[in-house]
Amino acid sequence: MMIYNKLKYFLKKDCCYFIPKKSSGKMSGGKILRTFYTLFLLLIFLLSEVNAQSVTIIGDSLKGKAINGKSIREVIGNVVITKEKTKITCNRAIQYLADDIAELLGNVIVTQDSVIIKTEKGRYLSKQELTISDTTVTLKNKKVNLIADKGRYNTETKIAEFFGNVHFNDSVTVLTSDTLIYFKEEEKIIAVGNVEVADSTTIIKADSLVHFRKTKLTTGYGNVSIINEKNKLSIFGNEFLDDKKNKITKITGNPFLIKVEKQNNGKLDTLFIQSKILQAKKDSGNILIAIDSVTINRGDFSSVNDYTIYNKSNGQITILKKNENSTPVLWYENSQITGDSIYISLDSNKVKNVEIFNEALLISMDSIYIDRYNQMSGDTIMMNFRNGKLSETKVIGNVLSIYYMYEDKEPNGLLKSSAKKIKIEFENNKVTDVKMYGSPMSEYHPEKLVNGNEKGFTLPSFYLYGNRPDKFLMKRRLKNKLTSVK
């Protein structure tokens, strides 16, 4: 009955010009053949709808023909193609019946559930459930908007693939890439080639990226860079994981961090950090953790260690000993500091105090003779700074010290001391007062016994580390990292 009704519809609306008028008398043989051929094409058309898994095509008019033995039908004007929950509309459709392929021309719109795809020209492969466009194509799905040079959408798997100048955005993120695959059901995105993701504060670049919109989990691979212009913070690495739900970002592959900070005097100071892993926690006051083979440089400070925590909210830098065979080392101006844990407090981007706990050792190169080192060791060392300059040093518990003496800038031996506590005051980087507490003991060694024998006057834990990083080395490393990213 349905076939009969459609046949009646097309005979009345679109094919009546093949049927002669009553006044014309008998039909000629040619007219009879043309009429039969038309009915034959209509029959093929209608039967194909029955056998094409519920695919229907309607429009204002229909033309049918055969080319090279293949049946072709052309539907013109207000074309509507439907199959289950998928609906395609366009101005004109050319269907190749044997191949189940339809060319879609003019104002093509594919609708499935909340997905809307638009293009000017495309193809619909009904067997493969595939819509393809080689011209500019757009996709909308709720708050998701996407545009690309070309693309295709599988209505069965609900997977869309886009190629060339891909531009994706939702309510908070803008993503661009060379290629993008969008999984509607999972709300998953795979972007490849010149990937760039931007939100209100951060720009992320990578060779490829995988993003889950529901869980807000993003992973990036190859030549990764994360730039926050507002905080003057940039991070470079090979891989990253951004878990917004748990507020954790992790960068691996010898990541490199650079942060430009402005001091109260208007001058710029730069923090460099390189390690094997960088991890940021945004739920605890913006905490950055550097793990394994950590190298740090900031102004006169530099460090080599295995574990550093930088809390940007309170200006606290914590350096911990995580490997028994690797001692954290901190350098400040001409001094070397070691211990199991080192805590640095910053105030307005200036060092306020430094505390060293467990097997603390402070070694300072003499200001006049570079082969002479003032040394202090103890359970704890505390260094206080005023306006960025060392003002006071306290050593507490099992204190040992070696201090070189001078008279009118001439060397005058050294003083070896021990006590339970020692306090040294400075002014303009020069010692102004030394106080010792708790059974203090001192030994003076005259210059004639010291001169040429400086290596014989060292504390038991004395050791000079030769791997001190400087800002020039860090800048070279950054340049090499930037070159690899490019």
Protein backbone atom coordinates (compact mmCIF):
# COMPACT_ATOMS: atom_id res chain seq x y z
CA MET A 1 0.00 0.00 0.00
CA MET A 2 2.87 2.42 0.83
CA ILE A 3 4.51 1.73 -2.56
CA TYR A 4 1.20 2.24 -4.28
CA ASN A 5 0.64 5.58 -2.56
CA LYS A 6 4.15 6.82 -3.41
CA LEU A 7 3.75 5.68 -7.00
CA LYS A 8 0.45 7.52 -7.20
CA TYR A 9 2.13 10.61 -5.67
CA PHE A 10 5.00 10.71 -8.14
CA LEU A 11 2.75 9.97 -11.13
CA LYS A 12 0.61 12.90 -10.11
CA LYS A 13 3.29 15.39 -9.04
CA ASP A 14 6.47 14.73 -10.96
CA CYS A 15 5.91 12.37 -13.87
CA CYS A 16 2.66 13.51 -15.39
CA TYR A 17 4.55 15.09 -18.28
CA PHE A 18 5.34 11.56 -19.52
CA ILE A 19 1.63 10.65 -19.78
CA PRO A 20 -0.20 11.95 -22.88
CA LYS A 21 -3.41 13.92 -22.67
CA LYS A 22 -6.75 12.18 -23.49
CA SER A 23 -7.32 14.38 -26.57
CA SER A 24 -4.15 13.17 -28.21
CA GLY A 25 -5.65 9.87 -29.28
CA LYS A 26 -3.55 6.73 -29.18
CA MET A 27 -0.07 6.84 -27.63
CA SER A 28 2.87 6.42 -29.95
CA GLY A 29 5.39 3.62 -29.42
CA GLY A 30 8.04 6.11 -28.23
CA LYS A 31 5.69 7.63 -25.69
CA ILE A 32 4.74 4.20 -24.39
CA LEU A 33 8.45 3.30 -23.95
CA ARG A 34 9.22 6.56 -22.18
CA THR A 35 6.28 6.10 -19.86
CA PHE A 36 7.28 2.50 -19.11
CA TYR A 37 10.90 3.55 -18.47
CA THR A 38 9.74 6.27 -16.08
CA LEU A 39 7.58 3.84 -14.16
CA PHE A 40 10.49 1.38 -14.06
CA LEU A 41 12.80 4.03 -12.49
CA LEU A 42 10.14 4.99 -9.99
CA LEU A 43 9.74 1.35 -9.03
CA ILE A 44 13.51 1.02 -8.48
CA PHE A 45 13.42 4.21 -6.42
CA LEU A 46 10.60 3.00 -4.22
CA LEU A 47 11.98 -0.50 -3.79
CA SER A 48 15.38 0.93 -2.81
CA GLU A 49 13.72 2.74 0.07
CA VAL A 50 12.33 -0.51 1.33
CA ASN A 51 15.70 -2.31 1.09
CA ALA A 52 17.97 0.51 2.30
CA GLN A 53 17.38 -0.05 5.99
CA SER A 54 14.61 2.52 6.43
CA VAL A 55 16.36 5.27 4.42
CA THR A 56 13.84 7.66 2.90
CA ILE A 57 14.42 10.58 0.54
CA ILE A 58 11.82 13.16 -0.40
CA GLY A 59 11.97 16.49 -2.22
CA ASP A 60 10.08 18.84 -4.50
CA SER A 61 10.91 16.91 -7.68
CA LEU A 62 12.64 13.75 -8.85
CA LYS A 63 14.60 12.82 -11.94
CA GLY A 64 15.78 9.31 -12.71
CA LYS A 65 18.28 8.02 -15.26
CA ALA A 66 20.87 5.34 -15.94
CA ILE A 67 24.57 6.07 -16.59
CA ASN A 68 26.90 3.24 -17.63
CA GLY A 69 24.30 0.77 -16.52
CA LYS A 70 23.96 2.33 -13.06
CA SER A 71 20.67 3.74 -11.85
CA ILE A 72 20.82 7.30 -10.59
CA ARG A 73 18.12 9.44 -9.13
CA GLU A 74 18.23 13.17 -8.49
CA VAL A 75 16.00 14.84 -5.92
CA ILE A 76 15.72 18.62 -6.24
CA GLY A 77 14.40 21.21 -3.79
CA ASN A 78 13.82 20.86 -0.03
CA VAL A 79 15.50 17.47 0.06
CA VAL A 80 15.04 15.48 3.27
CA ILE A 81 16.88 12.20 3.92
CA THR A 82 16.00 10.29 7.07
CA LYS A 83 17.32 7.11 8.61
CA GLU A 84 16.29 6.24 12.14
CA LYS A 85 17.32 9.28 14.28
CA THR A 86 19.47 10.87 11.56
CA LYS A 87 18.05 13.60 9.35
CA ILE A 88 19.83 15.24 6.41
CA THR A 89 18.49 18.24 4.52
CA CYS A 90 19.93 19.98 1.45
CA ASN A 91 18.93 21.76 -1.75
CA ARG A 92 19.76 18.89 -4.07
CA ALA A 93 20.73 15.22 -3.77
CA ILE A 94 22.10 12.81 -6.39
CA GLN A 95 21.82 9.19 -5.32
CA TYR A 96 23.75 6.29 -6.82
CA LEU A 97 21.41 3.45 -5.97
CA ALA A 98 23.73 0.47 -6.38
CA ASP A 99 26.46 2.09 -4.23
CA ASP A 100 24.12 3.54 -1.60
CA ILE A 101 25.93 6.87 -1.99
CA ALA A 102 24.23 10.24 -2.23
CA GLU A 103 25.89 13.52 -3.21
CA LEU A 104 24.52 16.35 -1.12
CA LEU A 105 24.58 19.86 -2.61
CA GLY A 106 23.72 23.24 -1.17
CA ASN A 107 22.96 24.13 2.46
CA VAL A 108 23.62 20.60 3.75
CA ILE A 109 22.52 20.06 7.37
CA VAL A 110 22.96 16.77 9.26
CA THR A 111 21.01 16.44 12.51
CA GLN A 112 21.26 13.63 15.05
CA ASP A 113 20.06 14.15 18.61
CA SER A 114 21.84 17.34 19.75
CA VAL A 115 24.49 17.21 16.99
CA ILE A 116 24.08 19.62 14.07
CA ILE A 117 26.57 19.53 11.18
CA LYS A 118 26.50 22.07 8.36
CA THR A 119 28.37 22.28 5.05
CA GLU A 120 27.78 23.33 1.45
CA LYS A 121 28.69 20.07 -0.22
CA GLY A 122 29.00 16.49 0.99
CA ARG A 123 28.35 12.80 0.51
CA TYR A 124 26.18 10.38 2.47
CA LEU A 125 27.16 6.70 2.54
CA SER A 126 24.10 5.00 4.02
CA LYS A 127 25.66 1.53 4.44
CA GLN A 128 28.63 2.93 6.36
CA GLU A 129 26.41 5.44 8.20
CA LEU A 130 28.92 8.09 7.10
CA THR A 131 28.53 11.72 6.08
CA ILE A 132 31.58 13.27 4.38
CA SER A 133 32.39 16.87 3.41
CA ASP A 134 35.45 18.16 1.55
CA THR A 135 34.45 21.79 2.05
CA THR A 136 34.20 23.96 5.16
CA VAL A 137 32.17 22.12 7.78
CA THR A 138 30.78 23.10 11.19
CA LEU A 139 29.54 21.03 14.10
CA LYS A 140 27.43 22.10 17.08
CA ASN A 141 26.57 19.96 20.08
CA LYS A 142 25.05 21.82 23.02
CA LYS A 143 27.88 24.20 24.12
CA VAL A 144 30.41 22.73 21.68
CA ASN A 145 31.18 24.56 18.43
CA LEU A 146 33.61 23.33 15.79
CA ILE A 147 34.71 24.44 12.33
CA ALA A 148 37.26 22.90 9.91
CA ASP A 149 38.25 22.76 6.25
CA LYS A 150 36.67 19.33 5.87
CA GLY A 151 35.34 16.46 7.92
CA ARG A 152 33.14 13.41 8.29
CA TYR A 153 30.65 12.08 10.80
CA ASN A 154 29.64 8.48 11.50
CA THR A 155 26.01 8.53 12.59
CA GLU A 156 26.24 5.01 14.05
CA THR A 157 29.40 5.41 16.19
CA LYS A 158 28.74 9.14 16.66
CA ILE A 159 32.41 9.90 15.96
CA ALA A 160 33.35 13.01 13.98
CA GLU A 161 36.72 13.58 12.28
CA PHE A 162 37.86 17.01 11.12
CA PHE A 163 40.88 18.08 9.08
CA GLY A 164 42.61 21.38 8.33
CA ASN A 165 42.42 24.60 10.38
CA VAL A 166 40.31 22.96 13.06
CA HIS A 167 38.81 25.44 15.53
CA PHE A 168 36.97 24.03 18.56
CA ASN A 169 35.42 25.96 21.44
CA ASP A 170 33.07 25.44 24.33
CA SER A 171 32.05 27.70 27.21
CA VAL A 172 35.56 27.95 28.67
CA THR A 173 38.12 26.60 26.15
CA VAL A 174 39.31 27.36 22.63
CA LEU A 175 41.27 24.64 20.81
CA THR A 176 42.95 24.76 17.40
CA SER A 177 44.76 21.95 15.58
CA ASP A 178 45.43 20.34 12.20
CA THR A 179 43.25 17.30 12.92
CA LEU A 180 40.58 16.60 15.52
CA ILE A 181 38.48 13.54 16.35
CA TYR A 182 35.35 14.15 18.44
CA PHE A 183 33.62 11.27 20.26
CA LYS A 184 30.12 12.49 21.06
CA GLU A 185 29.11 9.74 23.51
CA GLU A 186 32.33 9.99 25.55
CA GLU A 187 32.68 13.73 25.00
CA LYS A 188 36.28 12.96 24.17
CA ILE A 189 38.59 14.93 21.88
CA ILE A 190 41.80 13.81 20.19
CA ALA A 191 43.70 16.68 18.54
CA VAL A 192 46.86 16.22 16.45
CA GLY A 193 49.27 18.70 14.85
CA ASN A 194 50.00 22.26 16.05
CA VAL A 195 47.62 21.86 18.96
CA GLU A 196 46.87 24.98 20.99
CA VAL A 197 44.41 25.19 23.89
CA ALA A 198 43.52 28.48 25.55
CA ASP A 199 41.29 29.42 28.46
CA SER A 200 40.97 32.65 30.43
CA THR A 201 44.46 32.37 31.98
CA THR A 202 46.58 29.75 30.20
CA ILE A 203 47.73 28.75 26.71
CA ILE A 204 48.83 25.13 26.18
CA LYS A 205 50.65 23.93 23.07
CA ALA A 206 51.57 20.37 22.07
CA ASP A 207 52.03 18.03 19.11
CA SER A 208 48.94 16.06 20.17
CA LEU A 209 46.33 16.16 22.90
CA VAL A 210 43.54 14.05 24.40
CA HIS A 211 40.75 15.79 26.33
CA PHE A 212 37.71 14.44 28.20
CA ARG A 213 35.09 17.16 28.65
CA LYS A 214 33.09 15.33 31.35
CA THR A 215 36.02 14.56 33.65
CA LYS A 216 38.02 17.64 32.58
CA LEU A 217 41.10 15.45 32.11
CA THR A 218 43.64 16.51 29.47
CA THR A 219 46.89 14.84 28.37
CA GLY A 220 49.37 16.32 25.89
CA TYR A 221 52.34 14.80 24.09
CA GLY A 222 55.40 16.23 22.32
CA ASN A 223 56.90 19.72 22.53
CA VAL A 224 54.62 20.83 25.32
CA SER A 225 54.49 24.46 26.46
CA ILE A 226 52.20 25.96 29.12
CA ILE A 227 52.15 29.75 29.31
CA ASN A 228 50.36 31.96 31.84
CA GLU A 229 50.85 35.58 30.80
CA LYS A 230 49.14 36.99 33.88
CA ASN A 231 51.55 35.24 36.27
CA LYS A 232 54.52 35.56 33.88
CA LEU A 233 54.93 31.80 34.13
CA SER A 234 56.02 29.42 31.35
CA ILE A 235 56.63 25.65 31.50
CA PHE A 236 58.14 23.50 28.73
CA GLY A 237 58.28 19.70 28.58
CA ASN A 238 57.52 16.60 26.52
CA GLU A 239 54.29 15.38 28.17
CA PHE A 240 51.68 16.80 30.50
CA LEU A 241 48.55 15.77 32.36
CA ASP A 242 45.99 18.36 33.49
CA ASP A 243 43.35 17.07 35.91
CA LYS A 244 41.06 20.04 36.58
CA LYS A 245 38.66 17.96 38.66
CA ASN A 246 41.40 17.13 41.18
CA LYS A 247 43.25 20.41 40.47
CA ILE A 248 46.54 18.75 39.55
CA THR A 249 48.84 19.44 36.60
CA LYS A 250 51.84 17.20 35.91
CA ILE A 251 54.59 17.82 33.33
CA THR A 252 57.25 15.21 32.50
CA GLY A 253 60.14 14.80 30.08
CA ASN A 254 62.75 17.11 31.64
CA PRO A 255 60.35 20.03 32.10
CA PHE A 256 61.69 23.57 32.38
CA LEU A 257 59.95 26.38 34.27
CA ILE A 258 60.62 30.09 33.98
CA LYS A 259 58.81 32.72 36.06
CA VAL A 260 59.52 36.44 35.80
CA GLU A 261 58.93 38.32 39.06
CA LYS A 262 58.97 42.05 39.69
CA GLN A 263 60.74 43.31 42.79
CA ASN A 264 59.75 46.34 44.86
CA ASN A 265 62.49 48.42 43.21
CA GLY A 266 60.95 47.75 39.81
CA LYS A 267 63.70 45.38 38.66
CA LEU A 268 62.83 42.00 37.22
CA ASP A 269 64.03 38.76 38.78
CA THR A 270 63.67 35.40 37.06
CA LEU A 271 63.09 32.00 38.63
CA PHE A 272 64.38 28.98 36.65
CA ILE A 273 63.48 25.40 37.61
CA GLN A 274 64.35 22.24 35.71
CA SER A 275 63.66 18.66 36.80
CA LYS A 276 62.38 15.33 35.51
CA ILE A 277 58.85 15.96 36.82
CA LEU A 278 56.92 19.16 37.61
CA GLN A 279 53.62 18.92 39.43
CA ALA A 280 51.25 21.75 40.35
CA LYS A 281 48.50 21.55 42.97
CA LYS A 282 45.93 24.33 42.66
CA ASP A 283 43.84 23.35 45.70
CA SER A 284 46.57 24.08 48.24
CA GLY A 285 47.50 27.65 47.48
CA ASN A 286 49.12 27.10 44.10
CA ILE A 287 51.86 24.65 45.06
CA LEU A 288 54.50 23.63 42.52
CA ILE A 289 56.57 20.46 43.14
CA ALA A 290 59.79 19.67 41.27
CA ILE A 291 60.87 16.02 41.48
CA ASP A 292 64.15 14.27 40.60
CA SER A 293 67.33 15.96 39.31
CA VAL A 294 66.05 19.41 40.29
CA THR A 295 68.03 22.50 39.28
CA ILE A 296 66.98 25.95 40.53
CA ASN A 297 68.29 29.44 39.94
CA ARG A 298 66.86 32.74 41.14
CA GLY A 299 69.08 35.79 41.39
CA ASP A 300 71.89 35.01 43.85
CA PHE A 301 70.22 31.76 44.88
CA SER A 302 70.68 28.43 43.13
CA SER A 303 70.15 24.81 44.15
CA VAL A 304 70.60 21.20 43.07
CA ASN A 305 68.36 18.65 44.80
CA ASP A 306 65.84 15.83 44.27
CA TYR A 307 62.66 17.37 45.69
CA THR A 308 61.51 20.98 45.85
CA ILE A 309 58.13 22.42 46.87
CA TYR A 310 57.37 26.01 45.85
CA ASN A 311 54.26 27.53 47.44
CA LYS A 312 53.51 30.67 45.44
CA SER A 313 50.78 31.86 47.81
CA ASN A 314 52.99 32.24 50.92
CA GLY A 315 56.37 32.52 49.20
CA GLN A 316 57.77 29.36 50.79
CA ILE A 317 60.39 27.17 49.05
CA THR A 318 61.02 23.77 50.66
CA ILE A 319 63.95 21.57 49.60
CA LEU A 320 63.95 18.00 50.95
CA LYS A 321 66.36 15.09 50.92
CA LYS A 322 64.53 12.17 49.27
CA ASN A 323 67.56 10.10 48.23
CA GLU A 324 70.13 8.94 50.75
CA ASN A 325 72.86 9.28 48.15
CA SER A 326 71.87 12.80 47.11
CA THR A 327 72.25 15.74 49.48
CA PRO A 328 70.32 18.96 48.76
CA VAL A 329 72.70 21.83 48.02
CA LEU A 330 71.85 25.55 48.11
CA TRP A 331 74.15 28.37 47.05
CA TYR A 332 73.75 32.03 47.97
CA GLU A 333 76.31 34.56 46.73
CA ASN A 334 79.66 33.09 47.89
CA SER A 335 78.14 30.55 50.35
CA GLN A 336 77.25 26.87 50.01
CA ILE A 337 74.56 25.35 52.25
CA THR A 338 73.73 21.67 52.72
CA GLY A 339 71.33 19.76 54.97
CA ASP A 340 68.57 17.17 54.96
CA SER A 341 65.92 19.87 54.54
CA ILE A 342 66.13 23.54 53.58
CA TYR A 343 63.31 26.09 53.99
CA ILE A 344 63.39 29.45 52.25
CA SER A 345 60.85 32.19 53.01
CA LEU A 346 60.26 35.02 50.55
CA ASP A 347 58.73 38.42 51.25
CA SER A 348 57.78 40.59 48.26
CA ASN A 349 59.96 38.32 46.10
CA LYS A 350 62.97 38.86 48.37
CA VAL A 351 64.58 36.27 50.64
CA LYS A 352 63.41 36.76 54.22
CA ASN A 353 65.05 33.81 55.95
CA VAL A 354 66.63 30.42 55.30
CA GLU A 355 66.49 27.45 57.70
CA ILE A 356 68.59 24.27 57.33
CA PHE A 357 67.82 21.18 59.45
CA ASN A 358 69.80 17.97 60.19
CA GLU A 359 73.50 17.80 59.33
CA ALA A 360 73.43 21.47 58.40
CA LEU A 361 76.64 22.86 56.92
CA LEU A 362 77.44 26.41 55.80
CA ILE A 363 80.62 27.08 53.82
CA SER A 364 81.55 30.61 52.74
CA MET A 365 84.41 31.48 50.43
CA ASP A 366 86.69 34.06 52.03
CA SER A 367 86.19 37.53 50.55
CA ILE A 368 89.96 38.05 50.12
CA TYR A 369 91.57 34.64 49.66
CA ILE A 370 89.55 32.26 47.48
CA ASP A 371 91.31 29.15 48.86
CA ARG A 372 90.12 29.91 52.39
CA TYR A 373 86.62 28.92 53.54
CA ASN A 374 84.76 29.96 56.65
CA GLN A 375 82.76 26.95 57.88
CA MET A 376 79.92 26.28 60.32
CA SER A 377 78.05 23.05 61.04
CA GLY A 378 75.31 22.10 63.49
CA ASP A 379 71.92 20.53 63.89
CA THR A 380 70.16 23.66 62.62
CA ILE A 381 71.27 26.80 60.80
CA MET A 382 69.02 29.86 60.52
CA MET A 383 69.89 32.79 58.26
CA ASN A 384 67.91 36.05 58.41
CA PHE A 385 67.96 38.71 55.70
CA ARG A 386 67.14 42.40 55.65
CA ASN A 387 66.33 44.01 52.29
CA GLY A 388 67.78 40.99 50.54
CA LYS A 389 71.09 41.15 52.46
CA LEU A 390 72.26 38.69 55.13
CA SER A 391 71.88 40.28 58.55
CA GLU A 392 72.15 37.39 61.00
CA THR A 393 73.14 33.72 61.18
CA LYS A 394 72.34 31.33 64.03
CA VAL A 395 73.70 27.80 64.40
CA ILE A 396 72.06 25.58 67.05
CA GLY A 397 73.14 22.17 68.37
CA ASN A 398 76.62 20.58 68.17
CA VAL A 399 78.10 23.73 66.69
CA LEU A 400 81.52 23.57 65.03
CA SER A 401 83.10 26.49 63.20
CA ILE A 402 86.28 27.58 61.46
CA TYR A 403 86.72 31.30 60.89
CA TYR A 404 89.70 33.01 59.24
CA MET A 405 91.09 36.08 61.00
CA TYR A 406 92.50 39.32 59.49
CA GLU A 407 94.27 42.35 60.79
CA ASP A 408 94.32 45.42 58.54
CA LYS A 409 93.29 43.14 55.66
CA GLU A 410 96.31 40.95 56.29
CA PRO A 411 95.74 37.25 57.11
CA ASN A 412 96.11 36.50 60.78
CA GLY A 413 95.46 32.77 61.28
CA LEU A 414 92.07 31.21 62.08
CA LEU A 415 89.79 30.41 64.99
CA LYS A 416 88.31 26.93 65.54
CA SER A 417 85.33 26.93 67.87
CA SER A 418 82.66 24.68 69.29
CA ALA A 419 79.52 25.46 71.28
CA LYS A 420 75.86 24.58 71.67
CA LYS A 421 74.80 27.77 69.90
CA ILE A 422 76.45 30.55 67.93
CA LYS A 423 75.08 33.86 66.65
CA ILE A 424 76.80 35.98 63.99
CA GLU A 425 75.65 39.44 62.96
CA PHE A 426 76.43 41.05 59.58
CA GLU A 427 76.38 44.50 58.07
CA ASN A 428 77.07 45.08 54.38
CA ASN A 429 78.03 41.40 54.13
CA LYS A 430 80.74 41.81 56.79
CA VAL A 431 80.81 40.20 60.26
CA THR A 432 80.20 42.78 63.00
CA ASP A 433 79.63 40.53 66.05
CA VAL A 434 80.04 36.85 67.05
CA LYS A 435 78.45 35.37 70.19
CA MET A 436 78.80 31.77 71.40
CA TYR A 437 76.61 30.05 73.99
CA GLY A 438 76.75 26.75 75.90
CA SER A 439 80.25 25.59 76.92
CA PRO A 440 82.04 27.47 74.14
CA MET A 441 85.59 26.42 73.28
CA SER A 442 88.01 28.11 70.88
CA GLU A 443 91.43 27.36 69.45
CA TYR A 444 93.55 29.95 67.73
CA HIS A 445 95.92 28.81 64.97
CA PRO A 446 98.54 31.39 63.98
CA GLU A 447 99.06 32.41 60.37
CA LYS A 448 102.40 30.63 60.01
CA LEU A 449 100.68 27.28 60.69
CA VAL A 450 97.73 28.09 58.41
CA ASN A 451 99.39 29.57 55.34
CA GLY A 452 99.72 26.87 52.66
CA ASN A 453 97.92 24.33 54.82
CA GLU A 454 94.33 25.57 54.36
CA LYS A 455 93.09 22.11 53.29
CA GLY A 456 94.12 20.78 56.69
CA PHE A 457 91.64 23.08 58.43
CA THR A 458 88.22 21.78 57.45
CA LEU A 459 85.23 20.43 59.37
CA PRO A 460 84.51 16.66 59.20
CA SER A 461 81.52 17.23 56.90
CA PHE A 462 83.32 19.73 54.64
CA TYR A 463 82.70 19.13 50.92
CA LEU A 464 82.60 21.52 47.99
CA TYR A 465 80.06 20.78 45.24
CA GLY A 466 81.12 21.79 41.76
CA ASN A 467 77.77 21.60 40.00
CA ARG A 468 76.44 25.03 40.93
CA PRO A 469 74.00 26.28 38.26
CA ASP A 470 73.95 29.90 37.22
CA LYS A 471 71.45 32.02 35.30
CA PHE A 472 73.58 31.88 32.15
CA LEU A 473 73.60 28.07 32.24
CA MET A 474 69.85 28.05 32.88
CA LYS A 475 69.25 30.45 30.00
CA ARG A 476 71.22 28.17 27.68
CA ARG A 477 69.15 25.21 28.85
CA LEU A 478 65.98 27.20 28.27
CA LYS A 479 67.16 28.18 24.79
CA ASN A 480 67.84 24.52 23.98
CA LYS A 481 64.39 23.56 25.30
CA LEU A 482 62.71 26.28 23.24
CA THR A 483 64.62 25.14 20.13
CA SER A 484 63.39 21.57 20.67
CA VAL A 485 59.81 22.82 21.14
CA LYS A 486 59.97 24.72 17.84
